[in-house]
Protein backbone atom coordinates (compact mmCIF):
# COMPACT_ATOMS: atom_id res chain seq x y z
CA UNK A 1 99.90 95.78 35.99
CA UNK A 2 98.07 93.29 33.79
CA UNK A 3 94.60 94.45 34.75
CA UNK A 4 95.07 97.84 33.11
CA UNK A 5 96.48 96.21 29.97
CA UNK A 6 93.52 93.84 29.85
CA UNK A 7 91.19 96.81 30.19
CA UNK A 8 92.87 98.61 27.30
CA UNK A 9 92.80 95.47 25.18
CA UNK A 10 89.09 95.03 25.77
CA UNK A 11 88.54 98.66 24.82
CA UNK A 12 90.47 98.17 21.57
CA UNK A 13 88.40 95.12 20.68
CA UNK A 14 85.24 97.10 21.32
CA UNK A 15 86.40 100.05 19.18
CA UNK A 16 87.34 97.71 16.33
CA UNK A 17 83.86 96.26 16.36
CA UNK A 18 85.08 92.70 16.70
CA UNK A 19 83.18 91.94 19.89
CA UNK A 20 79.94 93.44 21.15
CA UNK A 21 80.57 94.63 24.72
CA UNK A 22 78.61 96.30 27.46
CA UNK A 23 79.27 100.03 27.69
CA UNK A 24 80.58 99.58 31.22
CA UNK A 25 83.40 97.29 30.12
CA UNK A 26 86.12 99.89 29.69
CA UNK A 27 88.75 100.37 32.37
CA UNK A 28 89.38 103.99 31.36
CA UNK A 29 87.08 106.81 32.41
CA UNK A 30 86.45 110.43 31.60
CA UNK A 31 88.07 112.66 34.19
CA UNK A 32 84.83 114.48 34.91
CA UNK A 33 83.13 111.22 35.93
CA UNK A 34 85.59 110.23 38.68
CA UNK A 35 83.70 110.73 41.94
CA UNK A 36 86.57 110.77 44.44
CA UNK A 37 84.35 111.53 47.42
CA UNK A 38 82.28 108.41 46.90
CA UNK A 39 85.26 106.22 46.00
CA UNK A 40 87.71 106.79 48.89
CA UNK A 41 86.76 104.71 51.89
CA UNK A 42 84.28 102.60 49.97
CA UNK A 43 84.23 98.95 50.94
CA UNK A 44 84.16 96.62 47.97
CA UNK A 45 82.54 93.23 47.72
CA UNK A 46 83.38 90.84 50.57
CA UNK A 47 84.52 87.51 49.20
CA UNK A 48 85.06 84.07 50.69
CA UNK A 49 87.86 82.05 49.08
CA UNK A 50 87.61 78.27 49.40
CA UNK A 51 90.77 76.22 49.23
CA UNK A 52 92.16 72.80 50.08
CA UNK A 53 95.74 71.58 50.04
CA UNK A 54 95.60 71.70 46.23
CA UNK A 55 95.66 75.49 45.87
CA UNK A 56 98.81 76.16 47.97
CA UNK A 57 100.61 73.32 46.15
CA UNK A 58 99.63 74.66 42.71
CA UNK A 59 100.76 78.12 43.77
CA UNK A 60 104.12 76.84 45.05
CA UNK A 61 104.74 75.03 41.76
CA UNK A 62 103.67 78.14 39.84
CA UNK A 63 106.33 80.28 41.51
CA UNK A 64 109.13 77.79 41.00
CA UNK A 65 109.15 75.50 44.03
CA UNK A 66 110.85 72.28 42.97
CA UNK A 67 111.37 68.80 44.34
CA UNK A 68 115.08 69.57 43.93
CA UNK A 69 114.82 71.85 46.98
CA UNK A 70 115.61 69.98 50.23
CA UNK A 71 112.61 71.63 51.94
CA UNK A 72 110.13 70.97 49.12
CA UNK A 73 107.95 68.57 51.12
CA UNK A 74 106.66 71.28 53.46
CA UNK A 75 105.30 73.19 50.44
CA UNK A 76 104.40 70.38 48.01
CA UNK A 77 103.29 67.41 50.13
CA UNK A 78 100.08 67.68 52.09
CA UNK A 79 101.15 64.71 54.21
CA UNK A 80 104.20 66.52 55.59
CA UNK A 81 103.96 67.40 59.26
CA UNK A 82 105.33 70.85 58.32
CA UNK A 83 102.97 71.36 55.36
CA UNK A 84 102.30 75.08 54.90
CA UNK A 85 101.64 77.84 52.36
CA UNK A 86 104.33 80.08 50.98
CA UNK A 87 103.69 83.47 52.62
CA UNK A 88 103.17 85.16 49.25
CA UNK A 89 100.14 82.91 48.68
CA UNK A 90 98.30 85.61 50.63
CA UNK A 91 97.97 87.69 47.45
CA UNK A 92 95.69 85.08 45.87
CA UNK A 93 92.47 85.54 47.92
CA UNK A 94 93.17 89.26 48.25
CA UNK A 95 93.54 89.73 44.49
CA UNK A 96 90.21 88.05 43.86
CA UNK A 97 88.40 90.21 46.39
CA UNK A 98 89.85 93.40 44.96
CA UNK A 99 89.10 92.60 41.31
CA UNK A 100 85.53 91.62 42.06
CA UNK A 101 84.88 94.99 43.69
CA UNK A 102 86.58 97.39 41.27
CA UNK A 103 83.73 97.30 38.68
CA UNK A 104 81.35 98.99 41.13
CA UNK A 105 83.37 102.20 41.51
CA UNK A 106 81.78 105.35 40.02
CA UNK A 107 83.61 106.41 36.86
CA UNK A 108 86.03 103.46 36.93
CA UNK A 109 83.88 100.73 35.46
CA UNK A 110 85.52 97.52 34.28
CA UNK A 111 83.98 94.14 33.56
CA UNK A 112 85.88 91.20 35.04
CA UNK A 113 84.75 87.59 35.10
CA UNK A 114 84.10 86.28 38.59
CA UNK A 115 85.61 82.83 38.47
CA UNK A 116 86.38 81.68 42.03
CA UNK A 117 84.61 80.03 44.88
CA UNK A 118 86.36 80.86 48.15
CA UNK A 119 86.88 80.14 51.84
CA UNK A 120 89.09 82.85 53.36
CA UNK A 121 87.08 86.05 53.80
CA UNK A 122 88.63 89.15 52.21
CA UNK A 123 87.36 92.68 52.76
CA UNK A 124 88.58 95.30 50.27
CA UNK A 125 88.51 99.06 50.86
CA UNK A 126 89.57 101.92 48.60
CA UNK A 127 92.27 103.62 50.67
CA UNK A 128 92.80 106.53 48.28
CA UNK A 129 92.69 107.69 44.65
CA UNK A 130 95.55 109.63 43.06
CA UNK A 131 95.63 111.83 39.98
CA UNK A 132 98.69 111.05 37.86
CA UNK A 133 97.62 113.19 34.92
CA UNK A 134 97.59 110.49 32.27
CA UNK A 135 95.71 108.17 34.56
CA UNK A 136 94.34 107.51 38.02
CA UNK A 137 95.87 105.27 40.68
CA UNK A 138 93.61 103.40 43.06
CA UNK A 139 95.09 102.30 46.39
CA UNK A 140 93.12 99.31 47.60
CA UNK A 141 93.57 97.76 51.06
CA UNK A 142 92.55 94.13 51.44
CA UNK A 143 92.24 92.44 54.84
CA UNK A 144 91.89 88.66 54.69
CA UNK A 145 90.38 86.79 57.63
CA UNK A 146 89.96 83.22 58.79
CA UNK A 147 86.89 83.57 60.95
CA UNK A 148 87.62 86.64 63.06
CA UNK A 149 91.39 86.26 62.88
CA UNK A 150 93.32 88.50 60.46
CA UNK A 151 95.46 86.24 58.25
CA UNK A 152 97.11 88.85 56.05
CA UNK A 153 96.89 92.41 54.73
CA UNK A 154 97.55 93.49 51.15
CA UNK A 155 97.72 96.87 49.46
CA UNK A 156 97.40 97.02 45.69
CA UNK A 157 98.02 99.99 43.39
CA UNK A 158 95.95 99.93 40.19
CA UNK A 159 96.70 102.37 37.37
CA UNK A 160 93.81 103.26 35.05
CA UNK A 161 94.89 104.86 31.79
CA UNK A 162 92.90 107.94 30.79
CA UNK A 163 91.21 108.38 34.16
CA UNK A 164 93.44 111.21 35.41
CA UNK A 165 93.20 114.95 35.08
CA UNK A 166 90.45 115.39 37.66
CA UNK A 167 92.45 117.74 39.87
CA UNK A 168 93.19 115.23 42.61
CA UNK A 169 96.33 114.80 44.72
CA UNK A 170 99.37 112.94 43.38
CA UNK A 171 100.60 111.32 46.60
CA UNK A 172 99.02 109.70 49.65
CA UNK A 173 100.09 109.21 53.24
CA UNK A 174 98.18 105.93 53.14
CA UNK A 175 100.46 104.41 50.51
CA UNK A 176 102.94 101.71 51.55
CA UNK A 177 106.18 102.87 49.95
CA UNK A 178 108.94 100.85 48.34
CA UNK A 179 112.59 101.29 49.43
CA UNK A 180 115.72 101.52 47.30
CA UNK A 181 118.40 98.88 47.96
CA UNK A 182 121.82 99.81 49.40
CA UNK A 183 124.42 101.10 46.95
CA UNK A 184 126.72 98.09 47.18
CA UNK A 185 126.99 94.63 45.74
CA UNK A 186 124.14 92.34 46.82
CA UNK A 187 124.70 89.92 49.69
CA UNK A 188 123.05 87.09 47.76
CA UNK A 189 121.92 86.42 44.20
CA UNK A 190 119.65 83.57 43.09
CA UNK A 191 118.75 82.85 39.46
CA UNK A 192 115.67 80.94 38.33
CA UNK A 193 115.04 79.92 34.74
CA UNK A 194 111.31 80.12 34.11
CA UNK A 195 109.77 77.68 31.66
CA UNK A 196 107.85 78.52 28.52
CA UNK A 197 104.79 77.18 30.33
CA UNK A 198 105.31 79.23 33.52
CA UNK A 199 102.34 81.55 32.90
CA UNK A 200 100.12 78.62 31.90
CA UNK A 201 100.97 76.94 35.21
CA UNK A 202 100.67 80.05 37.39
CA UNK A 203 97.24 80.99 36.00
CA UNK A 204 95.86 77.83 37.66
CA UNK A 205 96.14 79.77 40.93
CA UNK A 206 93.24 81.89 39.69
CA UNK A 207 94.54 84.74 37.55
CA UNK A 208 92.77 83.91 34.28
CA UNK A 209 93.76 87.10 32.45
CA UNK A 210 94.16 86.03 28.77
CA UNK A 211 97.01 88.53 28.38
CA UNK A 212 99.30 85.86 29.86
CA UNK A 213 98.29 83.06 27.48
CA UNK A 214 96.57 84.36 24.33
CA UNK A 215 98.95 85.99 21.78
CA UNK A 216 96.06 88.05 20.38
CA UNK A 217 95.39 89.71 23.73
CA UNK A 218 99.12 90.20 24.28
CA UNK A 219 99.40 91.96 20.90
CA UNK A 220 96.51 94.28 21.80
CA UNK A 221 98.42 95.16 24.96
CA UNK A 222 101.50 96.04 22.92
CA UNK A 223 103.51 92.87 23.62
CA UNK A 224 105.07 90.60 21.03
CA UNK A 225 103.89 87.56 22.97
CA UNK A 226 102.12 86.73 26.28
CA UNK A 227 103.90 88.02 29.38
CA UNK A 228 104.42 86.37 32.75
CA UNK A 229 102.12 87.40 35.58
CA UNK A 230 103.77 90.10 37.67
CA UNK A 231 102.61 88.30 40.80
CA UNK A 232 104.35 85.15 39.53
CA UNK A 233 107.66 87.03 39.36
CA UNK A 234 106.80 88.43 42.80
CA UNK A 235 106.31 84.88 44.10
CA UNK A 236 109.70 83.75 42.79
CA UNK A 237 111.40 86.65 44.58
CA UNK A 238 109.52 86.12 47.86
CA UNK A 239 110.38 82.42 47.81
CA UNK A 240 114.07 83.18 47.29
CA UNK A 241 114.22 85.66 50.17
CA UNK A 242 112.43 83.20 52.46
CA UNK A 243 114.92 80.47 51.58
CA UNK A 244 118.07 82.61 51.71
CA UNK A 245 117.43 84.63 54.88
CA UNK A 246 114.77 82.75 56.87
CA UNK A 247 115.68 79.09 56.18
CA UNK A 248 112.19 78.57 54.70
CA UNK A 249 110.61 79.28 58.09
CA UNK A 250 107.30 80.87 57.10
CA UNK A 251 106.74 82.07 60.67
CA UNK A 252 109.59 84.56 60.23
CA UNK A 253 108.07 86.22 57.16
CA UNK A 254 106.52 89.50 58.35
CA UNK A 255 105.92 91.80 55.36
CA UNK A 256 106.78 92.35 51.70
CA UNK A 257 106.53 95.33 49.35
CA UNK A 258 107.40 95.62 45.64
CA UNK A 259 106.95 97.82 42.58
CA UNK A 260 106.44 96.19 39.20
CA UNK A 261 108.74 97.92 36.72
CA UNK A 262 109.06 95.82 33.55
CA UNK A 263 107.33 92.77 32.06
CA UNK A 264 108.89 89.31 31.94
CA UNK A 265 108.36 86.74 29.21
CA UNK A 266 107.99 83.05 30.11
CA UNK A 267 111.30 81.27 29.51
CA UNK A 268 113.44 84.18 30.67
CA UNK A 269 115.74 83.96 33.69
CA UNK A 270 114.77 85.78 36.88
CA UNK A 271 117.75 87.04 38.89
CA UNK A 272 116.84 87.98 42.46
CA UNK A 273 119.45 90.27 44.06
CA UNK A 274 119.22 90.62 47.84
CA UNK A 275 120.75 92.94 50.47
CA UNK A 276 120.45 92.36 54.22
CA UNK A 277 120.03 95.47 56.37
CA UNK A 278 119.13 94.37 59.89
CA UNK A 279 115.77 92.60 59.77
CA UNK A 280 114.91 94.05 56.36
CA UNK A 281 115.95 92.27 53.17
CA UNK A 282 116.02 94.63 50.19
CA UNK A 283 115.72 92.98 46.80
CA UNK A 284 115.18 93.55 43.12
CA UNK A 285 114.51 91.12 40.31
CA UNK A 286 116.27 91.47 36.97
CA UNK A 287 115.69 89.70 33.68
CA UNK A 288 119.12 88.11 33.26
CA UNK A 289 118.97 88.04 29.47
CA UNK A 290 118.30 91.80 29.14
CA UNK A 291 119.53 93.29 32.42
CA UNK A 292 116.21 95.10 32.86
CA UNK A 293 114.77 95.42 36.37
CA UNK A 294 111.36 93.72 36.51
CA UNK A 295 110.73 94.28 40.23
CA UNK A 296 112.20 97.38 41.86
CA UNK A 297 112.39 98.76 45.38
CA UNK A 298 111.33 95.49 46.95
CA UNK A 299 111.86 94.48 50.55
CA UNK A 300 110.91 91.74 52.98
CA UNK A 301 110.81 92.32 56.72
CA UNK A 302 111.75 89.17 58.61
CA UNK A 303 111.37 88.27 62.27
CA UNK A 304 114.69 87.41 63.97
CA UNK A 305 115.28 83.73 64.59
CA UNK A 306 114.95 82.60 68.16
CA UNK A 307 118.12 81.25 69.71
CA UNK A 308 118.07 77.49 69.73
CA UNK A 309 117.73 76.21 73.28
CA UNK A 310 120.52 74.05 74.55
CA UNK A 311 119.85 70.37 74.57
CA UNK A 312 117.56 69.47 77.41
CA UNK A 313 118.31 66.81 79.95
CA UNK A 314 116.86 63.47 78.91
CA UNK A 315 113.33 62.94 80.12
CA UNK A 316 113.25 60.90 83.31
CA UNK A 317 110.73 58.21 82.52
CA UNK A 318 111.01 54.54 83.40
CA UNK A 319 109.17 51.48 82.26
CA UNK A 320 109.32 52.09 78.50
CA UNK A 321 109.81 48.97 76.41
CA UNK A 322 111.46 51.02 73.66
CA UNK A 323 114.41 51.83 75.95
CA UNK A 324 115.63 48.25 75.59
CA UNK A 325 115.49 48.53 71.80
CA UNK A 326 117.55 51.72 71.71
CA UNK A 327 120.09 50.25 74.10
CA UNK A 328 120.52 47.31 71.72
CA UNK A 329 120.81 49.65 68.72
CA UNK A 330 123.42 51.64 70.65
CA UNK A 331 125.47 48.50 71.20
CA UNK A 332 125.30 47.64 67.49
CA UNK A 333 126.26 51.17 66.44
CA UNK A 334 129.36 50.98 68.63
CA UNK A 335 130.35 47.81 66.79
CA UNK A 336 129.44 48.86 63.24
CA UNK A 337 129.28 52.65 63.45
CA UNK A 338 131.73 53.53 60.66
CA UNK A 339 130.00 51.20 58.22
CA UNK A 340 126.55 52.55 59.13
CA UNK A 341 127.62 56.18 58.81
CA UNK A 342 128.81 55.49 55.26
CA UNK A 343 125.53 53.77 54.37
CA UNK A 344 123.07 56.14 56.05
CA UNK A 345 124.64 59.60 56.59
CA UNK A 346 121.69 60.96 58.57
CA UNK A 347 120.56 61.91 62.08
CA UNK A 348 117.27 60.48 63.38
CA UNK A 349 115.36 61.70 66.41
CA UNK A 350 112.69 59.61 68.07
CA UNK A 351 109.99 61.17 70.24
CA UNK A 352 108.40 58.31 72.16
CA UNK A 353 105.02 59.05 73.72
CA UNK A 354 103.09 57.55 76.60
CA UNK A 355 99.45 58.42 77.27
CA UNK A 356 99.61 61.08 74.56
CA UNK A 357 102.64 62.91 76.00
CA UNK A 358 106.32 62.77 75.09
CA UNK A 359 107.88 60.37 77.57
CA UNK A 360 111.37 59.91 76.11
CA UNK A 361 113.56 61.14 73.28
CA UNK A 362 116.32 59.19 71.59
CA UNK A 363 118.76 60.22 68.87
CA UNK A 364 120.44 57.87 66.41
CA UNK A 365 123.32 59.81 64.85
CA UNK A 366 124.59 57.99 61.78
CA UNK A 367 126.15 61.06 60.19
CA UNK A 368 128.89 62.31 62.50
CA UNK A 369 132.10 60.56 63.54
CA UNK A 370 131.62 56.85 63.97
CA UNK A 371 127.95 57.23 64.89
CA UNK A 372 126.21 57.41 68.26
CA UNK A 373 122.96 56.65 70.05
CA UNK A 374 121.97 58.74 73.05
CA UNK A 375 118.98 59.84 75.10
CA UNK A 376 117.63 63.32 74.46
CA UNK A 377 117.00 65.52 71.42
CA UNK A 378 119.50 65.70 68.58
CA UNK A 379 122.44 67.96 69.36
CA UNK A 380 122.31 69.22 65.78
CA UNK A 381 119.24 69.51 63.58
CA UNK A 382 117.88 66.00 62.87
CA UNK A 383 117.28 64.98 59.27
CA UNK A 384 114.17 63.04 60.25
CA UNK A 385 112.07 63.02 63.42
CA UNK A 386 109.70 60.16 64.26
CA UNK A 387 106.89 60.45 66.79
CA UNK A 388 104.90 57.45 67.98
CA UNK A 389 103.82 55.75 71.16
CA UNK A 390 105.94 53.25 73.06
CA UNK A 391 103.48 50.48 72.22
CA UNK A 392 103.34 51.28 68.50
CA UNK A 393 107.13 51.52 68.35
CA UNK A 394 107.42 47.99 69.70
CA UNK A 395 104.84 46.74 67.18
CA UNK A 396 106.87 48.27 64.35
CA UNK A 397 110.28 46.89 65.38
CA UNK A 398 108.79 43.46 66.10
CA UNK A 399 107.18 43.59 62.62
CA UNK A 400 103.67 43.26 64.02
CA UNK A 401 102.80 46.52 62.24
CA UNK A 402 104.05 47.67 58.87
CA UNK A 403 105.73 51.12 59.15
CA UNK A 404 103.87 52.40 56.08
CA UNK A 405 100.56 51.30 57.56
CA UNK A 406 101.43 52.99 60.86
CA UNK A 407 102.26 56.20 58.97
CA UNK A 408 99.07 56.33 56.92
CA UNK A 409 96.93 55.47 59.94
CA UNK A 410 98.42 58.40 61.86
CA UNK A 411 100.15 56.29 64.51
CA UNK A 412 103.60 57.20 63.16
CA UNK A 413 104.32 60.85 62.43
CA UNK A 414 107.36 61.81 60.39
CA UNK A 415 108.96 65.25 60.16
CA UNK A 416 111.78 66.05 57.76
CA UNK A 417 113.15 63.79 55.02
CA UNK A 418 110.73 60.88 54.97
CA UNK A 419 112.79 58.99 52.38
CA UNK A 420 115.58 58.46 54.91
CA UNK A 421 113.22 56.27 56.92
CA UNK A 422 113.85 53.50 54.40
CA UNK A 423 117.52 53.43 55.38
CA UNK A 424 116.60 53.34 59.05
CA UNK A 425 114.20 50.45 58.47
CA UNK A 426 117.09 48.54 56.92
CA UNK A 427 119.22 49.22 60.01
CA UNK A 428 116.49 48.04 62.37
CA UNK A 429 116.07 44.81 60.45
CA UNK A 430 119.75 44.07 59.87
CA UNK A 431 121.37 45.15 63.11
CA UNK A 432 118.86 45.43 65.95
CA UNK A 433 118.50 41.73 66.71
CA UNK A 434 115.61 41.78 69.10
């Protein structure tokens, strides 16, 4: 939505004579110059988007991920064993590819700064062009690849004011359609208060449109002040659906579709309303202060969760030195379990390896009842899982190796809440008298 406003703003500046601009800088076009035959099916510039761990972290922060969220480490800490991108990050490389190619379309010329260096390869194609009378709508398909593997697919709809009236069709069978939510109260509602700096933070993900930061550009677009990026609001909504209905499991996120309806100003409250209908989560985003719908007809398709397998039988491996340690810890927990549960309140799972393979699993449950230590995986989801070899485990408990050093050297891998490991270290020192 912001690209058309930027185009109009640039046109106004040009007409006012304030800035000398190339004649191809306008996003509007005379209806007679729209060459639909040469536009539809045209492949735009192929781009390669380079990124490190920094870009997904900046994006997550830009769409409201917070350290207050119990699962924040997987999205904000590159050292987390579960570190991953929010699924909606897929719009970032796709958006760049699309915007770089739009200026080359006959009759729809617009000058955009090319500001990114990239690593994921995105190929953009004009799927169709629609005549809406007052303007033209471009449907652009973007396929993003890592090598030869398709990572994600995006479809964008761009509206160009003044480019309609060329006698084209108004609808397309190629368009991915939105879906209205059920006519009942939502199943879940999550509110997020954006900050006054939300747009300034989100633009670091690569959308440098001055409409979202410069009051002068916002005024030219007809806004009293800079507006929030539509894709930032989109990211907030996608994050909320992922958390509410997929337990932040990015592997279950299949598809998302939205329609941008109204602008949002930084500092306003985003209210995401969600309805579950089978494996489809319908949603809309309202501005809480005004009641206006900013995102309409949205939905996320999720993949059903796999049933958790029942706890396996303990691995039958003998000759591990660590077994003696866990047996001693078990004895201590039986003596001091109630006290330890009050102090720790967590479940730890240990995956002990031998020759690179998991040889034994132990669980230290200091959350339930009076505590317990047993062989095998945790019966309920562990708060923290440690993976290391039998030899390295012995070096750690005998204080031959510092746990932090083992972690940073890669010998000790930690999954889940890493801060709880400090409590466990206290237990090992105070109660496992080896």
